[in-house]
Amino acid sequence: MEIVQDSWIYLLSGAIGVLIQILLKIKDLKTHATAANMQFVFSKYLKDDWPTIALSFISVGAFAIFLPEIIAIKPEVLKFARIGFAFIGFTGSSVIQMLFSATSKKILSIIDLKTNIADGTVPPITPENKEALPEVAKGDTTKKN
């Protein structure tokens, strides 16, 4: 059966879609980290977001599991399976990262806090009021030198 013979190339197509999206996400995180005056650390990103990265690859595997049912309904879909897997890998990863990325939430919360301080809705952080302000991140918030 053609599906079984080409399954490795379908999974590879999906993995490439996931990797493209992750690389674009890293670029976006670096931009946001710079705006927050933070240093982006790739290993910290992997440590914080490994569940979302794993879910991205699992979504490709789930599509592979469902492919025979999809082909049973519409056999001509098989002609576009490689593109379909790359699309599912990219968009699935994009949605998962958008909803569940811990790194993105940390960086954006710091940007939000700094914006609120600049707008005057939150007082500037000083040693005296540091504990009274809401905690925005438990990760690497060191300022760039």
N, C-alpha and C. Protein backbone atom coordinates (compact mmCIF):
# COMPACT_ATOMS: atom_id res chain seq x y z
N MET A 1 0.85 -1.19 0.00
CA MET A 1 0.00 0.00 0.00
C MET A 1 0.89 1.25 0.00
N GLU A 2 0.54 2.22 -0.77
CA GLU A 2 1.35 3.42 -0.94
C GLU A 2 1.51 4.22 0.35
N ILE A 3 0.51 4.20 1.22
CA ILE A 3 0.58 4.96 2.46
C ILE A 3 1.71 4.44 3.34
N VAL A 4 1.80 3.14 3.48
CA VAL A 4 2.82 2.54 4.33
C VAL A 4 4.21 2.79 3.76
N GLN A 5 4.37 2.63 2.45
CA GLN A 5 5.67 2.83 1.82
C GLN A 5 6.17 4.26 1.98
N ASP A 6 5.28 5.21 1.91
CA ASP A 6 5.66 6.62 1.97
C ASP A 6 5.47 7.24 3.34
N SER A 7 5.14 6.46 4.35
CA SER A 7 4.82 7.03 5.66
C SER A 7 6.00 7.80 6.25
N TRP A 8 7.22 7.35 6.02
CA TRP A 8 8.37 8.06 6.56
C TRP A 8 8.52 9.45 5.93
N ILE A 9 8.21 9.55 4.64
CA ILE A 9 8.32 10.86 3.99
C ILE A 9 7.19 11.79 4.43
N TYR A 10 6.02 11.22 4.73
CA TYR A 10 4.92 12.05 5.26
C TYR A 10 5.30 12.60 6.64
N LEU A 11 5.84 11.73 7.48
CA LEU A 11 6.25 12.17 8.81
C LEU A 11 7.39 13.18 8.73
N LEU A 12 8.32 12.98 7.81
CA LEU A 12 9.41 13.93 7.61
C LEU A 12 8.85 15.28 7.15
N SER A 13 7.88 15.27 6.25
CA SER A 13 7.25 16.51 5.79
C SER A 13 6.61 17.25 6.95
N GLY A 14 5.91 16.51 7.80
CA GLY A 14 5.29 17.12 8.97
C GLY A 14 6.32 17.68 9.94
N ALA A 15 7.40 16.93 10.15
CA ALA A 15 8.46 17.39 11.05
C ALA A 15 9.12 18.66 10.51
N ILE A 16 9.30 18.73 9.20
CA ILE A 16 9.87 19.95 8.59
C ILE A 16 8.94 21.14 8.83
N GLY A 17 7.63 20.92 8.69
CA GLY A 17 6.67 21.98 8.98
C GLY A 17 6.77 22.47 10.41
N VAL A 18 6.90 21.52 11.35
CA VAL A 18 7.04 21.89 12.76
C VAL A 18 8.33 22.67 12.98
N LEU A 19 9.43 22.21 12.42
CA LEU A 19 10.72 22.87 12.62
C LEU A 19 10.74 24.27 12.03
N ILE A 20 10.11 24.45 10.87
CA ILE A 20 10.03 25.80 10.28
C ILE A 20 9.30 26.74 11.23
N GLN A 21 8.18 26.26 11.77
CA GLN A 21 7.40 27.10 12.67
C GLN A 21 8.19 27.40 13.95
N ILE A 22 8.90 26.42 14.49
CA ILE A 22 9.67 26.64 15.71
C ILE A 22 10.78 27.66 15.45
N LEU A 23 11.45 27.57 14.31
CA LEU A 23 12.50 28.54 14.00
C LEU A 23 11.92 29.96 13.87
N LEU A 24 10.75 30.07 13.27
CA LEU A 24 10.10 31.39 13.19
C LEU A 24 9.69 31.87 14.58
N LYS A 25 9.24 30.97 15.44
CA LYS A 25 8.86 31.31 16.80
C LYS A 25 10.07 31.81 17.59
N ILE A 26 11.21 31.15 17.41
CA ILE A 26 12.43 31.58 18.10
C ILE A 26 12.82 32.99 17.68
N LYS A 27 12.71 33.27 16.38
CA LYS A 27 13.01 34.63 15.90
C LYS A 27 12.08 35.64 16.56
N ASP A 28 10.79 35.30 16.65
CA ASP A 28 9.80 36.17 17.28
C ASP A 28 10.10 36.36 18.77
N LEU A 29 10.46 35.28 19.45
CA LEU A 29 10.78 35.37 20.88
C LEU A 29 12.02 36.25 21.11
N LYS A 30 13.01 36.13 20.23
CA LYS A 30 14.21 36.96 20.36
C LYS A 30 13.84 38.44 20.22
N THR A 31 12.97 38.75 19.28
CA THR A 31 12.53 40.13 19.07
C THR A 31 11.81 40.65 20.31
N HIS A 32 10.89 39.84 20.85
CA HIS A 32 10.16 40.24 22.05
C HIS A 32 11.07 40.35 23.26
N ALA A 33 12.04 39.45 23.39
CA ALA A 33 12.97 39.51 24.51
C ALA A 33 13.79 40.79 24.44
N THR A 34 14.21 41.18 23.26
CA THR A 34 14.95 42.43 23.09
C THR A 34 14.08 43.61 23.51
N ALA A 35 12.81 43.59 23.12
CA ALA A 35 11.88 44.66 23.50
C ALA A 35 11.69 44.72 25.01
N ALA A 36 11.77 43.56 25.68
CA ALA A 36 11.62 43.50 27.14
C ALA A 36 12.95 43.72 27.86
N ASN A 37 14.01 43.99 27.09
CA ASN A 37 15.35 44.17 27.64
C ASN A 37 15.80 42.91 28.38
N MET A 38 15.51 41.77 27.78
CA MET A 38 15.89 40.47 28.34
C MET A 38 16.82 39.77 27.36
N GLN A 39 17.50 38.79 27.87
CA GLN A 39 18.35 37.98 27.04
C GLN A 39 17.59 36.69 26.70
N PHE A 40 17.49 36.36 25.43
CA PHE A 40 16.86 35.10 25.02
C PHE A 40 17.89 33.99 25.13
N VAL A 41 17.53 32.94 25.85
CA VAL A 41 18.43 31.81 26.05
C VAL A 41 17.75 30.58 25.44
N PHE A 42 18.37 30.04 24.37
CA PHE A 42 17.77 28.92 23.64
C PHE A 42 17.55 27.70 24.53
N SER A 43 18.51 27.37 25.37
CA SER A 43 18.36 26.19 26.23
C SER A 43 17.21 26.39 27.22
N LYS A 44 17.00 27.60 27.68
CA LYS A 44 15.88 27.90 28.59
C LYS A 44 14.55 27.76 27.84
N TYR A 45 14.55 28.19 26.59
CA TYR A 45 13.35 28.02 25.76
C TYR A 45 13.00 26.54 25.63
N LEU A 46 14.00 25.71 25.34
CA LEU A 46 13.75 24.27 25.22
C LEU A 46 13.25 23.69 26.53
N LYS A 47 13.85 24.13 27.64
CA LYS A 47 13.45 23.62 28.96
C LYS A 47 12.01 24.04 29.29
N ASP A 48 11.65 25.28 29.02
CA ASP A 48 10.32 25.78 29.36
C ASP A 48 9.23 25.29 28.40
N ASP A 49 9.57 25.17 27.12
CA ASP A 49 8.55 24.88 26.12
C ASP A 49 8.61 23.47 25.53
N TRP A 50 9.35 22.57 26.15
CA TRP A 50 9.43 21.22 25.58
C TRP A 50 8.06 20.57 25.45
N PRO A 51 7.11 20.81 26.38
CA PRO A 51 5.80 20.17 26.16
C PRO A 51 5.09 20.65 24.89
N THR A 52 5.20 21.94 24.60
CA THR A 52 4.53 22.44 23.40
C THR A 52 5.24 21.95 22.14
N ILE A 53 6.56 21.83 22.21
CA ILE A 53 7.31 21.30 21.06
C ILE A 53 6.94 19.84 20.84
N ALA A 54 6.86 19.07 21.92
CA ALA A 54 6.48 17.66 21.81
C ALA A 54 5.06 17.52 21.26
N LEU A 55 4.14 18.36 21.74
CA LEU A 55 2.76 18.31 21.23
C LEU A 55 2.70 18.62 19.74
N SER A 56 3.59 19.49 19.28
CA SER A 56 3.62 19.82 17.86
C SER A 56 3.97 18.59 17.03
N PHE A 57 4.95 17.83 17.47
CA PHE A 57 5.33 16.60 16.75
C PHE A 57 4.26 15.52 16.91
N ILE A 58 3.61 15.48 18.06
CA ILE A 58 2.53 14.51 18.27
C ILE A 58 1.36 14.79 17.34
N SER A 59 1.09 16.08 17.05
CA SER A 59 -0.01 16.41 16.14
C SER A 59 0.25 15.84 14.75
N VAL A 60 1.51 15.83 14.33
CA VAL A 60 1.87 15.22 13.04
C VAL A 60 1.63 13.71 13.10
N GLY A 61 2.01 13.08 14.20
CA GLY A 61 1.77 11.65 14.36
C GLY A 61 0.28 11.32 14.37
N ALA A 62 -0.50 12.17 15.00
CA ALA A 62 -1.95 11.96 15.02
C ALA A 62 -2.53 12.03 13.61
N PHE A 63 -2.04 12.98 12.82
CA PHE A 63 -2.50 13.09 11.44
C PHE A 63 -2.14 11.83 10.65
N ALA A 64 -0.96 11.27 10.93
CA ALA A 64 -0.56 10.02 10.26
C ALA A 64 -1.49 8.88 10.63
N ILE A 65 -1.91 8.85 11.87
CA ILE A 65 -2.84 7.80 12.32
C ILE A 65 -4.20 7.95 11.63
N PHE A 66 -4.64 9.19 11.43
CA PHE A 66 -5.96 9.43 10.82
C PHE A 66 -5.95 9.40 9.30
N LEU A 67 -4.77 9.40 8.69
CA LEU A 67 -4.68 9.46 7.22
C LEU A 67 -5.46 8.35 6.51
N PRO A 68 -5.41 7.09 6.94
CA PRO A 68 -6.19 6.07 6.24
C PRO A 68 -7.70 6.35 6.22
N GLU A 69 -8.22 6.87 7.32
CA GLU A 69 -9.65 7.21 7.34
C GLU A 69 -9.97 8.36 6.38
N ILE A 70 -9.08 9.33 6.32
CA ILE A 70 -9.28 10.46 5.42
C ILE A 70 -9.25 9.98 3.97
N ILE A 71 -8.30 9.09 3.66
CA ILE A 71 -8.18 8.56 2.30
C ILE A 71 -9.37 7.68 1.94
N ALA A 72 -9.91 6.98 2.91
CA ALA A 72 -11.10 6.15 2.66
C ALA A 72 -12.28 7.01 2.22
N ILE A 73 -12.35 8.22 2.75
CA ILE A 73 -13.44 9.13 2.38
C ILE A 73 -13.16 9.80 1.05
N LYS A 74 -11.91 10.23 0.86
CA LYS A 74 -11.55 10.98 -0.35
C LYS A 74 -10.16 10.53 -0.80
N PRO A 75 -10.07 9.49 -1.64
CA PRO A 75 -8.77 8.91 -2.03
C PRO A 75 -7.81 9.88 -2.71
N GLU A 76 -8.33 10.88 -3.42
CA GLU A 76 -7.43 11.81 -4.13
C GLU A 76 -6.62 12.68 -3.18
N VAL A 77 -6.95 12.68 -1.88
CA VAL A 77 -6.18 13.43 -0.89
C VAL A 77 -4.75 12.91 -0.81
N LEU A 78 -4.55 11.64 -1.11
CA LEU A 78 -3.22 11.04 -1.03
C LEU A 78 -2.22 11.76 -1.94
N LYS A 79 -2.69 12.34 -3.05
CA LYS A 79 -1.81 13.07 -3.96
C LYS A 79 -1.16 14.28 -3.28
N PHE A 80 -1.81 14.79 -2.24
CA PHE A 80 -1.34 16.01 -1.56
C PHE A 80 -0.90 15.73 -0.13
N ALA A 81 -0.58 14.48 0.18
CA ALA A 81 -0.27 14.09 1.56
C ALA A 81 0.98 14.79 2.09
N ARG A 82 2.03 14.89 1.28
CA ARG A 82 3.26 15.53 1.78
C ARG A 82 3.03 17.00 2.12
N ILE A 83 2.34 17.70 1.24
CA ILE A 83 2.02 19.10 1.53
C ILE A 83 1.09 19.18 2.72
N GLY A 84 0.14 18.26 2.79
CA GLY A 84 -0.79 18.24 3.93
C GLY A 84 -0.07 18.03 5.25
N PHE A 85 0.90 17.13 5.27
CA PHE A 85 1.65 16.89 6.50
C PHE A 85 2.48 18.11 6.88
N ALA A 86 3.13 18.75 5.92
CA ALA A 86 3.90 19.96 6.21
C ALA A 86 2.98 21.06 6.74
N PHE A 87 1.81 21.18 6.13
CA PHE A 87 0.83 22.19 6.57
C PHE A 87 0.35 21.89 7.99
N ILE A 88 0.02 20.64 8.27
CA ILE A 88 -0.43 20.26 9.61
C ILE A 88 0.69 20.49 10.62
N GLY A 89 1.92 20.14 10.25
CA GLY A 89 3.05 20.36 11.15
C GLY A 89 3.24 21.83 11.47
N PHE A 90 3.18 22.68 10.45
CA PHE A 90 3.38 24.11 10.65
C PHE A 90 2.23 24.74 11.42
N THR A 91 1.01 24.53 10.94
CA THR A 91 -0.14 25.19 11.58
C THR A 91 -0.44 24.60 12.95
N GLY A 92 -0.30 23.28 13.08
CA GLY A 92 -0.53 22.66 14.38
C GLY A 92 0.44 23.19 15.41
N SER A 93 1.70 23.28 15.03
CA SER A 93 2.72 23.81 15.93
C SER A 93 2.45 25.28 16.24
N SER A 94 2.04 26.04 15.25
CA SER A 94 1.75 27.45 15.45
C SER A 94 0.64 27.66 16.48
N VAL A 95 -0.43 26.90 16.34
CA VAL A 95 -1.56 27.03 17.27
C VAL A 95 -1.15 26.58 18.66
N ILE A 96 -0.47 25.45 18.76
CA ILE A 96 -0.04 24.93 20.06
C ILE A 96 0.90 25.91 20.74
N GLN A 97 1.88 26.44 20.00
CA GLN A 97 2.83 27.40 20.58
C GLN A 97 2.11 28.69 21.00
N MET A 98 1.17 29.14 20.19
CA MET A 98 0.44 30.36 20.51
C MET A 98 -0.35 30.20 21.81
N LEU A 99 -0.95 29.05 22.00
CA LEU A 99 -1.80 28.83 23.18
C LEU A 99 -1.03 28.47 24.44
N PHE A 100 0.07 27.72 24.30
CA PHE A 100 0.68 27.13 25.48
C PHE A 100 2.15 27.48 25.72
N SER A 101 2.76 28.34 24.94
CA SER A 101 4.19 28.64 25.09
C SER A 101 4.46 29.38 26.41
N ALA A 102 5.20 28.73 27.29
CA ALA A 102 5.55 29.33 28.57
C ALA A 102 6.53 30.49 28.39
N THR A 103 7.49 30.34 27.50
CA THR A 103 8.48 31.38 27.26
C THR A 103 7.82 32.65 26.74
N SER A 104 6.93 32.49 25.79
CA SER A 104 6.23 33.64 25.23
C SER A 104 5.42 34.37 26.30
N LYS A 105 4.74 33.62 27.14
CA LYS A 105 3.94 34.24 28.20
C LYS A 105 4.81 35.01 29.17
N LYS A 106 5.99 34.47 29.51
CA LYS A 106 6.90 35.17 30.43
C LYS A 106 7.38 36.48 29.83
N ILE A 107 7.82 36.42 28.60
CA ILE A 107 8.35 37.63 27.95
C ILE A 107 7.26 38.68 27.80
N LEU A 108 6.09 38.26 27.33
CA LEU A 108 5.00 39.22 27.13
C LEU A 108 4.50 39.80 28.45
N SER A 109 4.56 39.03 29.55
CA SER A 109 4.13 39.58 30.84
C SER A 109 5.11 40.64 31.33
N ILE A 110 6.39 40.47 31.02
CA ILE A 110 7.38 41.48 31.40
C ILE A 110 7.18 42.74 30.57
N ILE A 111 6.92 42.58 29.28
CA ILE A 111 6.63 43.74 28.43
C ILE A 111 5.38 44.46 28.95
N ASP A 112 4.36 43.70 29.33
CA ASP A 112 3.13 44.28 29.85
C ASP A 112 3.40 45.05 31.15
N LEU A 113 4.19 44.47 32.04
CA LEU A 113 4.51 45.15 33.30
C LEU A 113 5.27 46.44 33.02
N LYS A 114 6.26 46.39 32.13
CA LYS A 114 7.03 47.59 31.82
C LYS A 114 6.16 48.67 31.17
N THR A 115 5.21 48.23 30.34
CA THR A 115 4.28 49.18 29.73
C THR A 115 3.40 49.83 30.80
N ASN A 116 2.93 49.01 31.74
CA ASN A 116 2.10 49.55 32.82
C ASN A 116 2.89 50.52 33.70
N ILE A 117 4.16 50.22 33.94
CA ILE A 117 5.00 51.14 34.71
C ILE A 117 5.18 52.45 33.94
N ALA A 118 5.44 52.34 32.62
CA ALA A 118 5.62 53.55 31.80
C ALA A 118 4.33 54.37 31.73
N ASP A 119 3.18 53.69 31.73
CA ASP A 119 1.89 54.39 31.69
C ASP A 119 1.50 54.96 33.04
N GLY A 120 2.20 54.55 34.09
CA GLY A 120 1.90 55.06 35.43
C GLY A 120 0.83 54.27 36.17
N THR A 121 0.37 53.17 35.60
CA THR A 121 -0.67 52.37 36.29
C THR A 121 -0.08 51.47 37.36
N VAL A 122 1.23 51.23 37.30
CA VAL A 122 1.94 50.43 38.29
C VAL A 122 3.19 51.23 38.65
N PRO A 123 3.51 51.31 39.95
CA PRO A 123 4.71 52.06 40.31
C PRO A 123 5.97 51.34 39.85
N PRO A 124 7.05 52.09 39.64
CA PRO A 124 8.31 51.45 39.25
C PRO A 124 8.76 50.45 40.31
N ILE A 125 9.47 49.42 39.87
CA ILE A 125 9.95 48.40 40.79
C ILE A 125 11.17 48.93 41.53
N THR A 126 11.09 48.91 42.84
CA THR A 126 12.20 49.30 43.71
C THR A 126 12.40 48.19 44.73
N PRO A 127 13.53 48.19 45.44
CA PRO A 127 13.71 47.14 46.46
C PRO A 127 12.62 47.16 47.53
N GLU A 128 12.04 48.32 47.78
CA GLU A 128 11.01 48.42 48.82
C GLU A 128 9.68 47.81 48.39
N ASN A 129 9.30 47.96 47.12
CA ASN A 129 7.99 47.46 46.68
C ASN A 129 8.07 46.21 45.81
N LYS A 130 9.24 45.65 45.68
CA LYS A 130 9.44 44.49 44.80
C LYS A 130 8.50 43.35 45.15
N GLU A 131 8.32 43.08 46.42
CA GLU A 131 7.47 41.96 46.85
C GLU A 131 5.99 42.28 46.71
N ALA A 132 5.61 43.55 46.72
CA ALA A 132 4.20 43.92 46.64
C ALA A 132 3.66 43.84 45.21
N LEU A 133 4.54 43.97 44.22
CA LEU A 133 4.09 43.92 42.83
C LEU A 133 3.85 42.48 42.41
N PRO A 134 2.94 42.27 41.47
CA PRO A 134 2.68 40.91 41.01
C PRO A 134 3.92 40.29 40.38
N GLU A 135 4.13 39.02 40.65
CA GLU A 135 5.27 38.31 40.08
C GLU A 135 4.97 38.04 38.62
N VAL A 136 5.85 38.45 37.72
CA VAL A 136 5.57 38.30 36.30
C VAL A 136 6.30 37.13 35.67
N ALA A 137 7.39 36.71 36.26
CA ALA A 137 8.11 35.59 35.65
C ALA A 137 9.00 34.93 36.69
N LYS A 138 9.15 33.66 36.56
CA LYS A 138 10.05 32.93 37.44
C LYS A 138 11.29 32.48 36.67
N GLY A 139 11.43 32.96 35.47
CA GLY A 139 12.54 32.54 34.62
C GLY A 139 13.65 33.55 34.60
N ASP A 140 14.43 33.50 33.55
CA ASP A 140 15.57 34.36 33.37
C ASP A 140 15.10 35.76 32.99
N THR A 141 15.17 36.69 33.91
CA THR A 141 14.75 38.06 33.62
C THR A 141 15.93 39.02 33.72
N THR A 142 17.12 38.47 33.61
CA THR A 142 18.31 39.33 33.70
C THR A 142 18.32 40.32 32.56
N LYS A 143 18.70 41.51 32.89
CA LYS A 143 18.78 42.56 31.88
C LYS A 143 20.03 42.36 31.04
N LYS A 144 19.93 42.81 29.81
CA LYS A 144 21.09 42.74 28.92
C LYS A 144 22.12 43.77 29.37
N ASN A 145 23.38 43.43 29.16
CA ASN A 145 24.45 44.37 29.50
C ASN A 145 24.69 45.34 28.38
